[in-house]
């Protein structure tokens, strides 16, 4: 059986890992070690079967990487993505994502995670984002997490939160005027909207464009 230092030298480059991945490196690994090492503060439990290391708690952007790793497939979207793009004024404490799995929530030392379920044919419109290098690991591998494009994040929000169905409610989003009028890609918005093909969503988008005179 590996010592913790042996285990850490193999798994730390992954950032976060599953029990299955641990057994790829150490086929006879006893998963009870994960509970013991977590209780001692040597590991951070992310969710059932997933772990990371406390050294990574301050790693830039790592909580978003965790979001895309511990519940897959998923991509960061909704309020978190809108905040990242500067489209809404508030900082968002919870990391919000879209998934084709069931809707769920997790909480661990890296943050709070919320996942909203969509049909597979609506799971599109995201890009990979390179995670900052892990300075704790020599020759750290490149790692990416998935982020909705701004137009898709906006459509995801209007699709998954149907209470945004009046001009008054849409104004309460306080979307950034400059971003909406100068940076939002209206052609991409229309393309994605057509691809989703939802009449209720179409009505909300029409009201949104009216609010911002687009």
Protein backbone atom coordinates (compact mmCIF):
# COMPACT_ATOMS: atom_id res chain seq x y z
CA UNK A 1 0.00 0.00 0.00
CA UNK A 2 1.30 3.49 -0.79
CA UNK A 3 2.25 5.98 1.87
CA UNK A 4 0.44 9.30 1.76
CA UNK A 5 3.49 11.03 0.26
CA UNK A 6 3.67 8.42 -2.51
CA UNK A 7 -0.04 8.80 -3.11
CA UNK A 8 0.18 12.59 -3.17
CA UNK A 9 3.08 12.67 -5.61
CA UNK A 10 0.98 10.76 -8.16
CA UNK A 11 -2.44 12.36 -7.61
CA UNK A 12 -1.60 16.02 -6.87
CA UNK A 13 -0.95 16.82 -10.56
CA UNK A 14 -4.58 15.88 -11.33
CA UNK A 15 -5.86 18.60 -9.00
CA UNK A 16 -8.88 16.56 -7.99
CA UNK A 17 -9.42 12.86 -8.43
CA UNK A 18 -11.94 10.07 -8.08
CA UNK A 19 -11.58 6.77 -6.26
CA UNK A 20 -11.41 5.10 -9.68
CA UNK A 21 -8.45 7.28 -10.68
CA UNK A 22 -6.67 6.49 -7.43
CA UNK A 23 -6.97 2.79 -8.23
CA UNK A 24 -5.54 3.35 -11.71
CA UNK A 25 -2.31 4.47 -10.04
CA UNK A 26 -2.55 2.02 -7.13
CA UNK A 27 -4.68 -1.03 -8.12
CA UNK A 28 -4.79 -2.48 -4.60
CA UNK A 29 -5.53 0.85 -2.95
CA UNK A 30 -7.81 0.71 0.11
CA UNK A 31 -10.38 3.51 -0.26
CA UNK A 32 -10.72 3.66 3.55
CA UNK A 33 -7.41 5.54 3.47
CA UNK A 34 -9.24 8.44 1.80
CA UNK A 35 -11.55 8.83 4.79
CA UNK A 36 -8.66 8.60 7.25
CA UNK A 37 -6.54 11.11 5.34
CA UNK A 38 -9.53 13.46 5.03
CA UNK A 39 -10.13 13.32 8.79
CA UNK A 40 -6.48 14.23 9.33
CA UNK A 41 -6.77 17.22 6.97
CA UNK A 42 -4.46 15.71 4.35
CA UNK A 43 -7.25 15.55 1.76
CA UNK A 44 -10.38 17.58 1.03
CA UNK A 45 -13.53 15.62 0.24
CA UNK A 46 -15.38 17.24 -2.66
CA UNK A 47 -18.36 14.89 -2.92
CA UNK A 48 -18.92 11.16 -2.64
CA UNK A 49 -15.95 9.48 -4.32
CA UNK A 50 -14.09 12.70 -5.21
CA UNK A 51 -11.16 14.35 -3.39
CA UNK A 52 -8.52 17.06 -3.66
CA UNK A 53 -5.66 18.49 -1.63
CA UNK A 54 -5.76 21.42 0.83
CA UNK A 55 -2.72 23.00 -0.87
CA UNK A 56 -5.01 23.87 -3.79
CA UNK A 57 -7.55 25.88 -1.80
CA UNK A 58 -5.87 29.14 -2.85
CA UNK A 59 -5.15 28.15 -6.47
CA UNK A 60 -6.62 30.73 -8.84
CA UNK A 61 -9.74 29.48 -10.60
CA UNK A 62 -9.49 26.02 -9.11
CA UNK A 63 -13.01 26.05 -7.65
CA UNK A 64 -14.39 26.41 -11.19
CA UNK A 65 -12.24 23.51 -12.35
CA UNK A 66 -13.67 21.46 -9.50
CA UNK A 67 -17.19 22.33 -10.67
CA UNK A 68 -16.58 20.76 -14.07
CA UNK A 69 -14.74 17.71 -12.73
CA UNK A 70 -16.92 16.39 -9.92
CA UNK A 71 -20.18 16.33 -11.90
CA UNK A 72 -19.81 15.60 -15.59
CA UNK A 73 -20.77 16.58 -18.15
CA UNK A 74 -21.24 20.16 -16.97
CA UNK A 75 -20.13 23.68 -17.77
CA UNK A 76 -20.15 26.86 -15.67
CA UNK A 77 -23.04 29.10 -16.72
CA UNK A 78 -25.98 31.14 -15.41
CA UNK A 79 -25.20 33.75 -12.71
CA UNK A 80 -21.57 32.67 -12.30
CA UNK A 81 -20.79 33.04 -15.99
CA UNK A 82 -22.63 36.36 -16.21
CA UNK A 83 -20.58 37.62 -13.27
CA UNK A 84 -17.32 36.43 -14.85
CA UNK A 85 -18.13 38.39 -18.01
CA UNK A 86 -19.09 41.47 -16.00
CA UNK A 87 -22.69 41.31 -17.24
CA UNK A 88 -24.16 41.52 -13.75
CA UNK A 89 -22.84 43.71 -10.92
CA UNK A 90 -22.93 41.17 -8.11
CA UNK A 91 -20.20 38.77 -7.14
CA UNK A 92 -21.73 35.29 -7.04
CA UNK A 93 -20.88 33.13 -4.05
CA UNK A 94 -22.27 29.87 -5.46
CA UNK A 95 -20.80 28.37 -8.64
CA UNK A 96 -23.70 27.68 -10.99
CA UNK A 97 -23.45 25.14 -13.78
CA UNK A 98 -25.53 23.41 -16.44
CA UNK A 99 -25.53 19.62 -16.81
CA UNK A 100 -27.34 16.82 -18.61
CA UNK A 101 -27.47 14.89 -15.33
CA UNK A 102 -30.09 15.49 -12.65
CA UNK A 103 -30.27 18.83 -10.85
CA UNK A 104 -28.23 18.76 -7.65
CA UNK A 105 -26.05 20.74 -5.21
CA UNK A 106 -22.74 20.10 -3.45
CA UNK A 107 -20.78 21.99 -0.82
CA UNK A 108 -17.16 21.52 0.18
CA UNK A 109 -14.19 23.62 1.28
CA UNK A 110 -13.74 24.93 -2.27
CA UNK A 111 -17.25 26.38 -2.39
CA UNK A 112 -20.93 25.81 -3.04
CA UNK A 113 -21.93 24.18 -6.32
CA UNK A 114 -25.32 24.22 -8.03
CA UNK A 115 -26.14 22.22 -11.17
CA UNK A 116 -29.25 22.74 -13.29
CA UNK A 117 -30.34 20.00 -15.65
CA UNK A 118 -31.07 20.50 -19.36
CA UNK A 119 -31.81 18.14 -22.23
CA UNK A 120 -28.74 16.92 -24.14
CA UNK A 121 -29.67 18.91 -27.25
CA UNK A 122 -29.45 22.14 -25.21
CA UNK A 123 -26.01 21.26 -23.82
CA UNK A 124 -23.87 23.44 -26.09
CA UNK A 125 -22.42 26.94 -26.34
CA UNK A 126 -19.40 26.68 -24.04
CA UNK A 127 -15.63 27.00 -24.37
CA UNK A 128 -12.62 25.54 -22.56
CA UNK A 129 -10.76 27.89 -20.20
CA UNK A 130 -7.17 27.14 -19.29
CA UNK A 131 -6.60 26.85 -15.55
CA UNK A 132 -3.67 28.79 -14.13
CA UNK A 133 -0.61 26.53 -13.74
CA UNK A 134 -0.21 24.68 -10.47
CA UNK A 135 2.90 26.22 -8.96
CA UNK A 136 2.96 23.47 -6.33
CA UNK A 137 3.74 20.86 -9.00
CA UNK A 138 6.79 20.80 -11.27
CA UNK A 139 5.75 20.41 -14.91
CA UNK A 140 2.08 20.75 -13.95
CA UNK A 141 -0.17 19.43 -16.75
CA UNK A 142 -2.45 21.86 -18.55
CA UNK A 143 -5.99 21.66 -17.21
CA UNK A 144 -9.18 23.28 -18.46
CA UNK A 145 -12.68 23.96 -17.23
CA UNK A 146 -15.75 24.75 -19.33
CA UNK A 147 -17.45 28.15 -19.40
CA UNK A 148 -20.64 29.11 -21.23
CA UNK A 149 -20.26 31.77 -23.88
CA UNK A 150 -21.99 34.98 -22.71
CA UNK A 151 -24.94 34.58 -25.08
CA UNK A 152 -25.51 30.99 -23.96
CA UNK A 153 -25.20 31.90 -20.27
CA UNK A 154 -27.94 34.48 -20.80
CA UNK A 155 -30.17 32.02 -22.65
CA UNK A 156 -29.56 29.34 -20.03
CA UNK A 157 -30.71 31.78 -17.37
CA UNK A 158 -33.89 32.76 -19.21
CA UNK A 159 -34.61 29.12 -20.08
CA UNK A 160 -34.08 27.68 -16.60
CA UNK A 161 -35.59 30.55 -14.59
CA UNK A 162 -39.02 31.18 -16.14
CA UNK A 163 -39.94 33.87 -13.60
CA UNK A 164 -37.90 36.27 -15.75
CA UNK A 165 -40.99 36.70 -17.91
CA UNK A 166 -41.80 40.41 -17.56
CA UNK A 167 -39.86 43.53 -18.42
CA UNK A 168 -39.83 44.44 -14.72
CA UNK A 169 -38.26 41.12 -13.74
CA UNK A 170 -35.71 41.39 -16.54
CA UNK A 171 -34.75 44.88 -15.39
CA UNK A 172 -34.08 43.40 -11.93
CA UNK A 173 -31.21 41.41 -13.48
CA UNK A 174 -29.40 44.76 -13.84
CA UNK A 175 -27.45 43.56 -16.85
CA UNK A 176 -24.60 45.88 -17.79
CA UNK A 177 -25.81 48.40 -20.38
CA UNK A 178 -22.48 48.70 -22.15
CA UNK A 179 -22.02 44.95 -22.44
CA UNK A 180 -25.55 44.47 -23.73
CA UNK A 181 -25.31 47.20 -26.37
CA UNK A 182 -21.65 46.92 -27.39
CA UNK A 183 -20.33 43.42 -26.65
CA UNK A 184 -23.23 40.99 -26.76
CA UNK A 185 -23.17 39.01 -30.02
CA UNK A 186 -26.76 39.31 -31.23
CA UNK A 187 -26.18 37.00 -34.19
CA UNK A 188 -24.91 34.26 -31.89
CA UNK A 189 -27.78 34.91 -29.50
CA UNK A 190 -30.29 34.46 -32.33
CA UNK A 191 -28.51 31.36 -33.62
CA UNK A 192 -28.51 29.71 -30.18
CA UNK A 193 -32.09 30.77 -29.55
CA UNK A 194 -33.20 29.12 -32.80
CA UNK A 195 -31.24 25.99 -31.96
CA UNK A 196 -33.00 25.70 -28.59
CA UNK A 197 -36.38 26.24 -30.22
CA UNK A 198 -38.50 27.10 -27.19
CA UNK A 199 -41.42 29.52 -27.63
CA UNK A 200 -41.49 30.63 -23.99
CA UNK A 201 -37.77 31.40 -24.20
CA UNK A 202 -38.35 33.33 -27.43
CA UNK A 203 -40.88 35.55 -25.65
CA UNK A 204 -38.46 36.26 -22.79
CA UNK A 205 -35.65 37.11 -25.20
CA UNK A 206 -37.93 39.45 -27.11
CA UNK A 207 -38.80 41.28 -23.89
CA UNK A 208 -35.11 41.41 -22.89
CA UNK A 209 -34.14 42.98 -26.20
CA UNK A 210 -36.92 45.51 -25.78
CA UNK A 211 -35.70 46.46 -22.30
CA UNK A 212 -32.21 47.17 -23.68
CA UNK A 213 -33.50 48.66 -26.95
CA UNK A 214 -31.63 46.09 -29.06
